[in-house]
N, C-alpha and C. Protein backbone atom coordinates (compact mmCIF):
# COMPACT_ATOMS: atom_id res chain seq x y z
N MET A 1 0.63 -0.93 0.04
CA MET A 1 0.28 -0.12 0.14
C MET A 1 1.01 1.38 0.17
N LYS A 2 0.68 2.31 -1.00
CA LYS A 2 1.14 3.82 -1.03
C LYS A 2 0.33 4.64 0.23
N VAL A 3 1.21 5.78 0.15
CA VAL A 3 0.44 6.87 0.96
C VAL A 3 -0.50 7.35 -0.38
N GLY A 4 -0.50 7.09 -1.00
CA GLY A 4 -1.21 8.10 -2.23
C GLY A 4 -3.00 7.29 -2.16
N GLN A 5 -2.35 6.43 -1.70
CA GLN A 5 -3.72 5.74 -1.11
C GLN A 5 -4.93 5.63 -0.43
N ARG A 6 -3.98 6.43 1.16
CA ARG A 6 -4.33 6.60 2.57
C ARG A 6 -4.80 7.94 2.78
N MET A 7 -3.32 9.15 1.42
CA MET A 7 -3.45 10.57 2.02
C MET A 7 -4.91 11.10 2.04
N THR A 8 -4.88 12.61 2.47
CA THR A 8 -6.49 12.90 2.66
C THR A 8 -6.01 14.15 1.48
N ARG A 9 -6.42 14.35 0.22
CA ARG A 9 -5.97 14.83 -1.07
C ARG A 9 -6.58 16.26 -0.92
N ASN A 10 -6.22 16.92 -1.10
CA ASN A 10 -6.57 18.71 -1.11
C ASN A 10 -6.73 18.97 0.26
N PRO A 11 -5.10 19.29 0.64
CA PRO A 11 -5.47 19.14 2.06
C PRO A 11 -5.68 21.46 2.21
N ILE A 12 -6.28 21.76 3.47
CA ILE A 12 -6.66 23.26 4.07
C ILE A 12 -5.06 23.43 4.43
N THR A 13 -5.14 24.42 3.44
CA THR A 13 -3.52 24.80 3.79
C THR A 13 -4.39 26.61 4.27
N ILE A 14 -2.70 27.71 5.01
CA ILE A 14 -2.60 28.82 5.51
C ILE A 14 -1.54 29.16 4.48
N THR A 15 -1.53 30.61 4.49
CA THR A 15 -0.72 31.41 3.83
C THR A 15 0.29 32.30 5.32
N PRO A 16 1.23 32.10 4.83
CA PRO A 16 1.67 33.12 6.82
C PRO A 16 1.86 34.42 6.85
N ASP A 17 1.30 35.04 6.41
CA ASP A 17 0.74 36.31 7.00
C ASP A 17 -0.60 36.32 7.98
N MET A 18 -1.03 34.44 8.59
CA MET A 18 -2.62 34.27 8.96
C MET A 18 -1.73 34.49 9.71
N THR A 19 -3.02 34.99 11.42
CA THR A 19 -2.28 35.10 12.78
C THR A 19 -2.90 34.03 12.80
N ALA A 20 -2.17 33.66 14.63
CA ALA A 20 -2.31 32.63 15.33
C ALA A 20 -3.79 32.35 15.30
N PRO A 21 -4.51 32.85 16.05
CA PRO A 21 -5.53 32.91 16.48
C PRO A 21 -6.59 32.19 15.48
N GLU A 22 -6.21 32.53 13.73
CA GLU A 22 -7.23 33.00 12.82
C GLU A 22 -6.54 31.12 12.44
N ALA A 23 -5.50 31.34 12.63
CA ALA A 23 -4.81 29.17 12.06
C ALA A 23 -6.21 28.18 13.41
N GLN A 24 -5.46 29.24 13.96
CA GLN A 24 -6.79 27.90 15.12
C GLN A 24 -7.68 27.99 15.09
N ALA A 25 -8.37 29.08 14.56
CA ALA A 25 -10.25 28.84 14.58
C ALA A 25 -10.74 27.35 13.34
N ILE A 26 -9.06 27.65 12.17
CA ILE A 26 -9.62 26.96 11.65
C ILE A 26 -8.97 25.53 11.74
N MET A 27 -8.36 25.58 12.97
CA MET A 27 -8.31 23.67 13.09
C MET A 27 -9.50 23.41 13.55
N ARG A 28 -9.60 24.17 14.68
CA ARG A 28 -11.32 23.93 15.28
C ARG A 28 -12.10 23.27 14.51
N ARG A 29 -12.34 24.19 13.17
CA ARG A 29 -13.23 24.43 13.05
C ARG A 29 -13.40 23.10 12.23
N GLU A 30 -11.83 22.42 11.41
CA GLU A 30 -12.24 21.74 10.28
C GLU A 30 -12.21 20.31 11.23
N LYS A 31 -11.36 20.51 12.71
CA LYS A 31 -11.26 19.62 13.71
C LYS A 31 -9.92 18.80 13.07
N ILE A 32 -9.41 19.93 13.18
CA ILE A 32 -7.56 18.57 12.47
C ILE A 32 -6.71 19.31 13.27
N LYS A 33 -5.51 19.02 13.36
CA LYS A 33 -3.94 19.18 14.53
C LYS A 33 -3.06 20.19 13.20
N ARG A 34 -2.86 20.11 12.00
CA ARG A 34 -1.42 20.59 11.40
C ARG A 34 -2.20 21.09 10.62
N LEU A 35 -1.88 22.24 9.44
CA LEU A 35 -1.95 22.79 8.34
C LEU A 35 -0.99 23.22 7.54
N PRO A 36 -0.23 22.34 6.55
CA PRO A 36 0.38 22.98 5.45
C PRO A 36 0.38 24.86 5.19
N VAL A 37 1.85 25.65 5.09
CA VAL A 37 1.68 26.77 4.85
C VAL A 37 1.60 26.75 3.88
N VAL A 38 1.47 27.46 3.10
CA VAL A 38 1.92 27.63 1.80
C VAL A 38 1.90 29.51 0.78
N ASP A 39 2.65 29.78 0.11
CA ASP A 39 3.17 30.79 -0.40
C ASP A 39 1.68 31.20 -1.71
N TYR A 40 1.21 32.63 -2.03
CA TYR A 40 0.55 33.27 -2.86
C TYR A 40 0.86 32.47 -4.28
N ASN A 41 2.01 31.17 -4.25
CA ASN A 41 2.25 30.49 -5.81
C ASN A 41 1.60 28.89 -5.41
N GLY A 42 1.19 28.96 -4.01
CA GLY A 42 0.84 27.78 -4.02
C GLY A 42 2.12 26.78 -3.23
N ARG A 43 3.42 27.37 -3.36
CA ARG A 43 4.06 26.51 -2.56
C ARG A 43 4.55 26.15 -1.39
N LEU A 44 4.72 25.24 -1.13
CA LEU A 44 5.17 24.97 0.49
C LEU A 44 5.87 25.37 1.42
N ILE A 45 6.01 26.35 2.45
CA ILE A 45 6.84 26.80 2.78
C ILE A 45 6.88 26.29 4.72
N GLY A 46 5.74 25.44 4.78
CA GLY A 46 6.24 25.36 5.89
C GLY A 46 4.69 24.78 6.75
N ILE A 47 5.17 23.92 7.60
CA ILE A 47 3.60 23.47 8.47
C ILE A 47 3.84 24.11 9.15
N VAL A 48 2.20 24.39 10.71
CA VAL A 48 2.04 24.90 11.55
C VAL A 48 0.95 23.62 12.19
N THR A 49 1.30 23.36 13.21
CA THR A 49 0.87 22.25 13.92
C THR A 49 -0.38 23.28 15.33
N SER A 50 -1.23 22.33 15.93
CA SER A 50 -1.63 23.00 17.68
C SER A 50 -0.86 23.12 18.34
N LEU A 51 0.12 22.58 18.95
CA LEU A 51 0.65 22.33 19.73
C LEU A 51 1.82 23.44 19.77
N ASP A 52 2.48 23.95 17.92
CA ASP A 52 3.43 25.11 17.92
C ASP A 52 2.03 26.55 18.04
N LEU A 53 1.01 26.20 18.40
CA LEU A 53 0.28 27.45 18.24
C LEU A 53 -0.39 27.41 20.30
N ILE A 54 -0.02 26.37 20.68
CA ILE A 54 0.31 26.63 22.39
C ILE A 54 0.95 27.28 22.80
N HIS A 55 2.35 25.86 22.16
CA HIS A 55 3.22 26.99 22.87
C HIS A 55 4.07 28.21 22.16
N ALA A 56 2.67 28.78 21.61
CA ALA A 56 3.47 30.69 21.25
C ALA A 56 2.30 31.23 22.06
N SER A 57 2.04 30.46 22.47
CA SER A 57 0.51 31.57 23.61
C SER A 57 1.38 31.41 24.53
N PRO A 58 1.25 32.84 25.05
CA PRO A 58 1.63 33.98 26.49
C PRO A 58 1.03 32.75 27.65
N SER A 59 2.21 32.42 28.46
CA SER A 59 1.53 31.47 29.74
C SER A 59 0.31 32.22 30.27
N PRO A 60 -0.37 31.20 30.75
CA PRO A 60 -1.07 31.69 31.47
C PRO A 60 -0.65 31.60 33.50
N ALA A 61 1.03 31.85 33.04
CA ALA A 61 1.18 32.06 34.62
C ALA A 61 1.44 34.28 34.16
N SER A 62 2.01 33.96 33.12
CA SER A 62 2.03 35.85 32.78
C SER A 62 1.39 36.22 33.71
N SER A 63 2.58 37.47 33.38
CA SER A 63 1.71 38.53 34.58
C SER A 63 0.27 39.81 33.81
N LEU A 64 0.82 39.12 32.15
CA LEU A 64 -0.35 39.92 31.44
C LEU A 64 -2.54 39.29 31.63
N ASP A 65 -2.47 40.32 31.17
CA ASP A 65 -4.01 40.21 31.43
C ASP A 65 -4.76 39.83 30.27
N ILE A 66 -6.00 38.78 30.21
CA ILE A 66 -6.04 38.48 29.76
C ILE A 66 -6.17 39.49 27.92
N TYR A 67 -6.45 40.34 28.33
CA TYR A 67 -7.05 41.31 26.83
C TYR A 67 -5.23 42.05 26.49
N GLU A 68 -4.78 41.92 27.03
CA GLU A 68 -2.85 41.68 26.69
C GLU A 68 -2.57 40.62 26.45
N MET A 69 -2.84 38.95 26.08
CA MET A 69 -2.81 38.02 25.56
C MET A 69 -3.03 37.94 24.15
N HIS A 70 -4.84 38.89 24.90
CA HIS A 70 -5.47 38.29 23.46
C HIS A 70 -4.95 39.03 22.05
N TYR A 71 -4.14 40.60 22.50
CA TYR A 71 -4.07 41.26 21.53
C TYR A 71 -3.01 40.70 21.13
N LEU A 72 -1.53 40.42 21.67
CA LEU A 72 -0.69 39.72 21.28
C LEU A 72 -1.25 38.89 20.37
N LEU A 73 -1.61 38.20 20.88
CA LEU A 73 -1.52 36.76 19.82
C LEU A 73 -2.35 37.08 18.56
N SER A 74 -3.61 37.75 18.60
CA SER A 74 -3.63 38.63 17.28
C SER A 74 -2.50 39.25 16.29
N LYS A 75 -1.98 39.91 16.77
CA LYS A 75 -0.71 40.64 15.95
C LYS A 75 0.66 39.00 15.66
N LEU A 76 0.82 37.48 16.06
CA LEU A 76 1.56 36.82 16.45
C LEU A 76 0.94 35.75 14.49
N LYS A 77 1.80 36.55 13.71
CA LYS A 77 2.03 35.45 12.20
C LYS A 77 2.21 33.82 12.38
N VAL A 78 1.60 33.15 11.23
CA VAL A 78 1.80 32.51 11.30
C VAL A 78 3.53 31.52 11.42
N GLU A 79 4.27 32.43 9.83
CA GLU A 79 5.26 32.56 9.98
C GLU A 79 6.42 32.47 11.06
N LYS A 80 5.93 33.22 11.26
CA LYS A 80 6.65 32.94 13.68
C LYS A 80 7.41 32.18 14.20
N VAL A 81 6.07 31.42 13.76
CA VAL A 81 5.90 29.66 14.37
C VAL A 81 5.45 28.32 13.76
N MET A 82 5.79 28.50 12.53
CA MET A 82 5.44 27.23 11.77
C MET A 82 6.74 26.10 11.97
N THR A 83 6.89 25.79 11.28
CA THR A 83 8.24 24.87 10.82
C THR A 83 8.86 24.81 9.43
N LYS A 84 9.80 25.45 9.18
CA LYS A 84 10.69 25.46 7.77
C LYS A 84 10.82 24.19 6.77
N ASN A 85 11.68 23.84 7.76
CA ASN A 85 12.53 22.65 6.92
C ASN A 85 11.39 21.88 7.18
N VAL A 86 10.57 21.29 6.76
CA VAL A 86 9.35 20.25 6.37
C VAL A 86 10.06 19.53 5.59
N ILE A 87 9.93 18.07 6.64
CA ILE A 87 9.64 16.62 6.30
C ILE A 87 8.31 16.63 4.96
N THR A 88 8.82 16.05 3.91
CA THR A 88 7.99 16.16 2.85
C THR A 88 7.51 14.11 2.30
N VAL A 89 7.39 14.01 1.80
CA VAL A 89 6.90 12.48 0.77
C VAL A 89 6.05 12.10 -0.06
N THR A 90 6.36 11.29 -1.04
CA THR A 90 5.60 11.57 -2.56
C THR A 90 4.47 10.85 -1.84
N GLU A 91 3.39 10.39 -3.10
CA GLU A 91 2.33 9.31 -3.34
C GLU A 91 2.36 8.29 -2.89
N ASP A 92 3.89 7.73 -3.70
CA ASP A 92 4.15 6.45 -4.36
C ASP A 92 5.07 5.84 -2.91
N LEU A 93 5.36 6.17 -2.29
CA LEU A 93 5.80 5.66 -1.13
C LEU A 93 5.48 4.77 0.09
N PRO A 94 6.11 4.16 0.14
CA PRO A 94 5.27 2.69 0.87
C PRO A 94 4.95 3.25 2.27
N ILE A 95 3.49 3.03 2.40
CA ILE A 95 2.64 3.77 3.74
C ILE A 95 3.48 3.12 5.12
N GLU A 96 4.18 2.09 4.87
CA GLU A 96 5.00 2.04 5.88
C GLU A 96 6.48 2.21 6.16
N GLU A 97 7.01 3.16 5.12
CA GLU A 97 8.39 4.12 4.87
C GLU A 97 7.79 5.74 5.74
N ALA A 98 6.50 5.96 5.28
CA ALA A 98 5.93 6.70 6.42
C ALA A 98 5.31 6.85 6.91
N ALA A 99 5.69 5.19 7.80
CA ALA A 99 5.43 6.05 8.92
C ALA A 99 6.38 5.77 10.41
N ARG A 100 7.48 5.33 9.30
CA ARG A 100 9.43 4.78 9.90
C ARG A 100 9.90 6.28 10.16
N ILE A 101 9.46 7.42 9.03
CA ILE A 101 10.01 8.64 9.18
C ILE A 101 9.21 9.51 9.57
N MET A 102 7.68 8.80 10.06
CA MET A 102 7.06 10.43 11.57
C MET A 102 7.51 9.55 12.76
N ALA A 103 8.04 8.29 12.45
CA ALA A 103 8.33 8.16 14.29
C ALA A 103 9.85 8.16 14.85
N ASP A 104 10.61 8.44 13.33
CA ASP A 104 12.24 8.82 13.66
C ASP A 104 12.07 10.01 13.68
N ASN A 105 11.69 10.76 13.01
CA ASN A 105 11.10 12.42 13.54
C ASN A 105 10.22 12.61 14.40
N SER A 106 9.69 12.16 15.07
CA SER A 106 8.74 12.57 16.21
C SER A 106 7.91 13.56 15.60
N ILE A 107 7.51 13.09 14.37
CA ILE A 107 5.96 14.51 13.70
C ILE A 107 4.93 13.28 13.69
N SER A 108 3.89 14.16 13.18
CA SER A 108 2.43 13.55 13.11
C SER A 108 1.53 13.73 12.17
N GLY A 109 2.31 14.35 11.17
CA GLY A 109 1.90 14.57 9.92
C GLY A 109 3.04 14.01 8.54
N LEU A 110 2.88 13.88 7.86
CA LEU A 110 3.91 14.88 6.14
C LEU A 110 3.05 15.40 5.21
N PRO A 111 3.26 16.47 3.99
CA PRO A 111 3.43 16.69 3.92
C PRO A 111 3.23 15.83 1.87
N VAL A 112 2.16 15.55 1.00
CA VAL A 112 2.44 14.62 0.43
C VAL A 112 2.81 15.31 -1.16
N MET A 113 3.71 15.56 -0.99
CA MET A 113 4.57 16.09 -2.66
C MET A 113 4.31 15.57 -4.37
N ARG A 114 3.71 16.30 -5.04
CA ARG A 114 3.92 15.58 -6.77
C ARG A 114 4.79 16.97 -6.97
N GLY A 115 6.28 16.37 -7.09
CA GLY A 115 6.96 17.92 -7.71
C GLY A 115 6.58 18.52 -7.06
N ASP A 116 6.70 20.05 -7.38
CA ASP A 116 6.37 20.95 -6.34
C ASP A 116 5.25 21.50 -6.30
N ILE A 117 4.09 20.77 -6.60
CA ILE A 117 2.51 20.55 -5.48
C ILE A 117 2.79 19.69 -4.69
N LEU A 118 2.04 20.23 -3.68
CA LEU A 118 1.02 20.11 -3.04
C LEU A 118 0.11 18.54 -3.16
N VAL A 119 -0.23 17.76 -2.48
CA VAL A 119 -1.43 16.65 -3.04
C VAL A 119 -2.21 16.21 -1.89
N GLY A 120 -1.67 16.34 -1.11
CA GLY A 120 -2.25 15.28 -0.48
C GLY A 120 -1.34 15.70 1.66
N ILE A 121 -2.58 14.77 2.49
CA ILE A 121 -0.83 15.28 3.82
C ILE A 121 -1.29 13.53 4.43
N ILE A 122 -0.71 12.80 5.02
CA ILE A 122 -0.80 11.81 6.09
C ILE A 122 -0.19 11.94 6.75
N THR A 123 -1.48 11.57 8.07
CA THR A 123 -1.14 11.68 9.42
C THR A 123 -1.06 10.83 10.28
N GLU A 124 -0.67 10.75 11.29
CA GLU A 124 -1.46 9.65 12.35
C GLU A 124 -1.85 9.03 12.52
N THR A 125 -3.56 9.67 12.50
CA THR A 125 -4.41 9.16 12.53
C THR A 125 -4.95 8.32 11.07
N ASP A 126 -4.06 9.07 9.80
CA ASP A 126 -4.95 7.63 8.84
C ASP A 126 -4.05 6.61 9.48
N LEU A 127 -2.75 6.76 9.87
CA LEU A 127 -2.15 5.27 10.44
C LEU A 127 -2.72 4.71 10.75
N PHE A 128 -3.26 5.31 11.83
CA PHE A 128 -4.00 4.44 12.70
C PHE A 128 -5.44 3.66 12.29
N LYS A 129 -5.97 4.67 11.52
CA LYS A 129 -6.74 3.50 10.60
C LYS A 129 -6.43 2.30 9.99
N LEU A 130 -5.30 2.44 9.21
CA LEU A 130 -4.40 1.20 8.77
C LEU A 130 -4.81 0.49 9.23
N PHE A 131 -4.15 0.20 11.21
CA PHE A 131 -4.02 -0.32 12.08
C PHE A 131 -5.09 -0.86 12.02
N ILE A 132 -5.90 -0.71 11.95
CA ILE A 132 -7.13 -0.79 12.69
C ILE A 132 -7.83 -1.76 11.72
N GLU A 133 -7.58 -2.02 10.57
CA GLU A 133 -7.65 -2.48 8.78
C GLU A 133 -6.70 -4.06 8.81
N LEU A 134 -5.58 -3.55 8.93
CA LEU A 134 -4.86 -4.56 9.31
C LEU A 134 -5.11 -6.12 10.28
N PHE A 135 -5.24 -5.25 11.50
CA PHE A 135 -5.70 -5.82 12.38
C PHE A 135 -7.27 -6.80 12.59
N GLY A 136 -7.45 -6.82 11.71
CA GLY A 136 -9.48 -6.86 11.25
C GLY A 136 -9.82 -6.21 12.72
N ALA A 137 -9.89 -5.51 13.59
CA ALA A 137 -10.06 -5.04 14.66
C ALA A 137 -11.54 -4.55 14.76
N ARG A 138 -12.52 -3.92 13.53
CA ARG A 138 -14.23 -4.41 13.06
C ARG A 138 -14.63 -5.34 13.16
N HIS A 139 -13.71 -6.14 12.60
CA HIS A 139 -14.44 -8.33 12.61
C HIS A 139 -14.54 -8.63 13.73
N LYS A 140 -15.55 -9.72 13.68
CA LYS A 140 -16.05 -10.42 14.32
C LYS A 140 -15.06 -11.34 14.73
N GLY A 141 -14.47 -12.58 16.00
CA GLY A 141 -13.98 -13.39 15.29
C GLY A 141 -12.99 -14.01 16.51
N ILE A 142 -11.96 -14.78 16.54
CA ILE A 142 -11.36 -15.62 17.18
C ILE A 142 -10.06 -14.39 17.12
N ARG A 143 -9.17 -13.62 17.95
CA ARG A 143 -7.62 -13.02 18.16
C ARG A 143 -6.66 -13.51 18.54
N LEU A 144 -5.77 -14.76 18.03
CA LEU A 144 -4.83 -15.50 18.60
C LEU A 144 -4.02 -15.08 18.45
N THR A 145 -3.00 -15.19 19.54
CA THR A 145 -1.13 -14.72 19.54
C THR A 145 -0.67 -15.26 19.80
N LEU A 146 -0.31 -16.37 18.54
CA LEU A 146 0.88 -17.14 18.84
C LEU A 146 2.33 -17.15 19.05
N LEU A 147 2.99 -17.59 19.53
CA LEU A 147 4.60 -18.56 19.01
C LEU A 147 4.97 -18.66 19.10
N LEU A 148 6.07 -18.79 17.25
CA LEU A 148 5.88 -19.94 16.36
C LEU A 148 6.98 -19.45 16.05
N PRO A 149 7.70 -20.71 15.11
CA PRO A 149 8.87 -21.57 15.45
C PRO A 149 9.64 -20.47 14.30
N GLU A 150 10.53 -20.20 14.28
CA GLU A 150 11.47 -19.03 13.67
C GLU A 150 11.36 -20.16 12.13
N LYS A 151 10.89 -21.26 11.44
CA LYS A 151 11.90 -21.35 10.13
C LYS A 151 10.92 -21.72 9.23
N LYS A 152 11.03 -21.63 7.70
CA LYS A 152 10.64 -21.69 6.66
C LYS A 152 9.67 -23.35 6.68
N GLY A 153 8.57 -22.07 6.23
CA GLY A 153 7.55 -22.69 5.95
C GLY A 153 6.77 -23.19 7.02
N GLU A 154 6.41 -22.95 8.09
CA GLU A 154 5.87 -22.42 9.87
C GLU A 154 4.94 -21.17 8.92
N LEU A 155 4.41 -20.99 8.03
CA LEU A 155 3.84 -19.54 8.53
C LEU A 155 2.31 -20.45 7.52
N ALA A 156 2.81 -21.12 6.56
CA ALA A 156 2.31 -21.69 5.91
C ALA A 156 1.54 -22.91 6.37
N LYS A 157 2.17 -23.37 6.58
CA LYS A 157 1.06 -24.68 7.57
C LYS A 157 0.52 -24.11 8.60
N LEU A 158 0.43 -23.01 8.85
CA LEU A 158 -0.21 -22.46 9.68
C LEU A 158 -1.58 -22.18 9.63
N SER A 159 -1.52 -21.39 8.43
CA SER A 159 -2.57 -21.12 7.26
C SER A 159 -3.08 -22.28 7.11
N ASN A 160 -2.58 -23.54 6.65
CA ASN A 160 -3.46 -24.53 6.07
C ASN A 160 -4.51 -25.27 7.21
N ALA A 161 -3.34 -24.96 8.44
CA ALA A 161 -4.89 -25.81 9.41
C ALA A 161 -5.60 -24.80 9.50
N ILE A 162 -5.52 -23.96 9.24
CA ILE A 162 -6.89 -22.91 9.91
C ILE A 162 -8.07 -22.89 8.86
N THR A 163 -7.22 -23.02 8.06
CA THR A 163 -8.03 -22.86 6.73
C THR A 163 -8.78 -24.57 6.42
N LYS A 164 -8.30 -25.64 7.19
CA LYS A 164 -9.29 -27.16 6.44
C LYS A 164 -9.79 -27.07 7.68
N SER A 165 -9.94 -26.36 9.29
CA SER A 165 -10.20 -26.32 10.16
C SER A 165 -11.25 -25.87 9.46
N GLY A 166 -11.57 -24.95 8.73
CA GLY A 166 -13.04 -23.98 8.65
C GLY A 166 -13.29 -22.75 8.76
N GLY A 167 -11.98 -22.24 9.25
CA GLY A 167 -12.08 -21.18 9.79
C GLY A 167 -11.03 -19.94 8.24
N ASN A 168 -11.14 -19.09 8.09
CA ASN A 168 -10.93 -17.48 7.73
C ASN A 168 -10.33 -17.21 7.91
N ILE A 169 -9.20 -16.83 7.64
CA ILE A 169 -8.00 -15.71 7.71
C ILE A 169 -8.41 -14.27 7.90
N VAL A 170 -8.72 -13.38 8.65
CA VAL A 170 -9.37 -12.05 8.08
C VAL A 170 -8.29 -11.24 8.66
N SER A 171 -7.09 -11.65 8.92
CA SER A 171 -5.71 -10.81 9.28
C SER A 171 -4.90 -11.74 9.56
N PHE A 172 -3.06 -11.30 9.76
CA PHE A 172 -2.12 -12.10 10.04
C PHE A 172 -0.96 -11.33 10.55
N ALA A 173 0.05 -10.80 11.66
CA ALA A 173 0.47 -10.00 11.99
C ALA A 173 2.18 -10.31 12.32
N ILE A 174 3.14 -11.37 11.85
CA ILE A 174 3.93 -11.02 12.64
C ILE A 174 4.84 -9.92 13.28
N PHE A 175 5.72 -10.33 14.60
CA PHE A 175 6.22 -10.08 15.38
C PHE A 175 7.73 -10.31 15.60
N GLU A 176 8.91 -9.74 15.98
CA GLU A 176 9.89 -10.60 16.58
C GLU A 176 9.79 -10.89 17.75
N GLY A 177 10.01 -12.16 17.79
CA GLY A 177 9.48 -13.10 19.45
C GLY A 177 10.78 -13.09 20.75
N GLU A 178 10.94 -14.10 21.74
CA GLU A 178 11.01 -13.60 22.58
C GLU A 178 13.10 -13.79 22.65
N ASP A 179 13.49 -14.65 20.96
CA ASP A 179 14.58 -14.76 21.05
C ASP A 179 15.25 -15.41 19.25
N PRO A 180 16.43 -14.90 18.20
CA PRO A 180 15.42 -15.30 17.34
C PRO A 180 14.96 -16.89 16.42
N THR A 181 14.78 -17.36 17.55
CA THR A 181 14.71 -19.34 17.20
C THR A 181 12.86 -19.30 17.05
N ASN A 182 12.25 -18.04 17.75
CA ASN A 182 10.91 -17.38 17.26
C ASN A 182 10.08 -16.16 16.59
N GLY A 183 8.48 -16.30 17.19
CA GLY A 183 8.24 -15.10 16.50
C GLY A 183 7.29 -15.11 16.46
N TYR A 184 6.79 -14.15 16.80
CA TYR A 184 5.15 -14.02 17.23
C TYR A 184 4.00 -13.59 15.89
N CYS A 185 3.00 -13.81 16.37
CA CYS A 185 1.91 -13.88 15.13
C CYS A 185 0.95 -13.44 15.74
N THR A 186 -0.20 -12.94 15.21
CA THR A 186 -1.07 -12.98 15.51
C THR A 186 -2.13 -12.59 14.96
N VAL A 187 -3.31 -13.52 14.48
CA VAL A 187 -4.26 -13.92 13.76
C VAL A 187 -6.14 -13.97 13.87
N LYS A 188 -6.50 -13.16 13.42
CA LYS A 188 -7.62 -12.83 13.41
C LYS A 188 -9.01 -13.75 12.57
N VAL A 189 -9.39 -15.06 13.16
CA VAL A 189 -10.50 -16.24 12.22
C VAL A 189 -11.69 -15.80 12.55
N THR A 190 -12.44 -16.61 11.79
CA THR A 190 -13.34 -16.11 11.41
C THR A 190 -14.47 -17.32 11.12
N GLY A 191 -15.78 -18.13 11.15
CA GLY A 191 -16.08 -19.01 10.89
C GLY A 191 -15.58 -20.90 10.99
N VAL A 192 -15.06 -20.34 11.98
CA VAL A 192 -14.97 -22.00 13.12
C VAL A 192 -15.05 -21.70 14.94
N GLU A 193 -15.35 -22.98 15.45
CA GLU A 193 -15.27 -22.62 16.48
C GLU A 193 -14.43 -22.57 17.20
N LYS A 194 -13.92 -22.60 18.22
CA LYS A 194 -13.22 -21.78 19.21
C LYS A 194 -11.61 -23.42 19.44
N ASP A 195 -12.89 -23.83 20.24
CA ASP A 195 -12.38 -25.31 20.33
C ASP A 195 -11.68 -26.31 18.96
N VAL A 196 -12.27 -26.13 17.68
CA VAL A 196 -11.83 -26.67 16.81
C VAL A 196 -10.74 -25.98 16.12
N LEU A 197 -10.33 -25.02 16.19
CA LEU A 197 -9.60 -23.77 15.60
C LEU A 197 -8.18 -24.29 16.66
N LEU A 198 -8.16 -24.56 18.12
CA LEU A 198 -7.53 -24.51 18.80
C LEU A 198 -6.40 -25.84 18.65
N GLU A 199 -7.06 -27.26 18.53
CA GLU A 199 -6.56 -28.03 18.49
C GLU A 199 -6.16 -28.14 16.94
N ALA A 200 -6.95 -27.39 15.62
CA ALA A 200 -5.79 -27.59 14.32
C ALA A 200 -4.54 -26.97 14.92
N ILE A 201 -5.08 -26.16 15.38
CA ILE A 201 -2.97 -25.19 15.38
C ILE A 201 -2.09 -25.68 16.36
N ARG A 202 -2.21 -26.14 17.34
CA ARG A 202 -2.15 -26.50 18.67
C ARG A 202 -0.64 -27.69 19.33
N PRO A 203 -0.17 -28.36 17.32
CA PRO A 203 0.58 -28.85 17.28
C PRO A 203 1.74 -28.40 16.24
N LEU A 204 1.24 -27.82 15.83
CA LEU A 204 2.31 -26.31 14.94
C LEU A 204 2.95 -25.08 15.67
N VAL A 205 2.46 -24.48 17.20
CA VAL A 205 3.30 -23.54 17.94
C VAL A 205 3.50 -24.13 18.77
N GLU A 206 5.00 -23.17 19.35
CA GLU A 206 5.75 -22.99 20.59
C GLU A 206 4.47 -22.90 21.88
N LYS A 207 3.79 -22.26 21.55
CA LYS A 207 3.14 -21.15 22.73
C LYS A 207 1.86 -21.05 22.34
N ILE A 208 0.02 -20.99 22.53
CA ILE A 208 -0.53 -20.10 23.06
C ILE A 208 -0.43 -18.66 23.51
N VAL A 209 0.01 -17.44 22.98
CA VAL A 209 -0.19 -16.76 24.03
C VAL A 209 -1.29 -16.01 25.01
N ASP A 210 -2.35 -16.12 23.86
CA ASP A 210 -3.69 -15.22 23.78
C ASP A 210 -4.01 -15.76 23.04
N VAL A 211 -5.81 -15.67 23.55
CA VAL A 211 -7.08 -15.84 22.76
C VAL A 211 -8.03 -15.36 23.18
N ARG A 212 -8.89 -14.96 22.40
CA ARG A 212 -10.24 -14.00 22.78
C ARG A 212 -11.05 -13.89 21.41
N GLU A 213 -12.68 -14.09 21.68
CA GLU A 213 -13.44 -13.85 20.50
C GLU A 213 -13.72 -12.39 20.68
N THR A 214 -13.81 -12.10 20.29
CA THR A 214 -13.43 -10.31 19.47
C THR A 214 -15.24 -10.31 19.01
């Protein structure tokens, strides 16, 4: 899956001369946490987040009264608080690579570019939605977490055993195990009774870590 399949297209943008309160009002109205900043030619020059605007606001512990605070904020331009060196991605980037970039740089969103043109934005919320799909979280069924031997063909054996028992695999995910000789597998299965499923897979796994019906 690529970024272009999950990004928000034609994101709302603002200009650098907009004030902080104006940017905050747009975020509240649109229920978003970040806004790409573009110049008058539509070229991306920055990004501002709700956290940037909070940090730029006068502290409640300040000696300023509420009117002075509002006055100062009304004069604060987005260009003064935005991030200028924006990390961007392209539409054809694998979505897991976008997630890695976000995690490695402690950021929650990435503008998506097509050459010099801003065409979208991919955010942590988009990744959370994908995570829900990958784990079949909205499907009812039997969710298993298993410890499997780290050997060629073990996943195929497990898949075949589930299918032969009458089960349908809704999701399948692999994680690092307790040591290099094994790995964790989380699988969501529908269409089969729990006892029948467990009997079918038990000979193939090192340990059944967790079983629950969702």
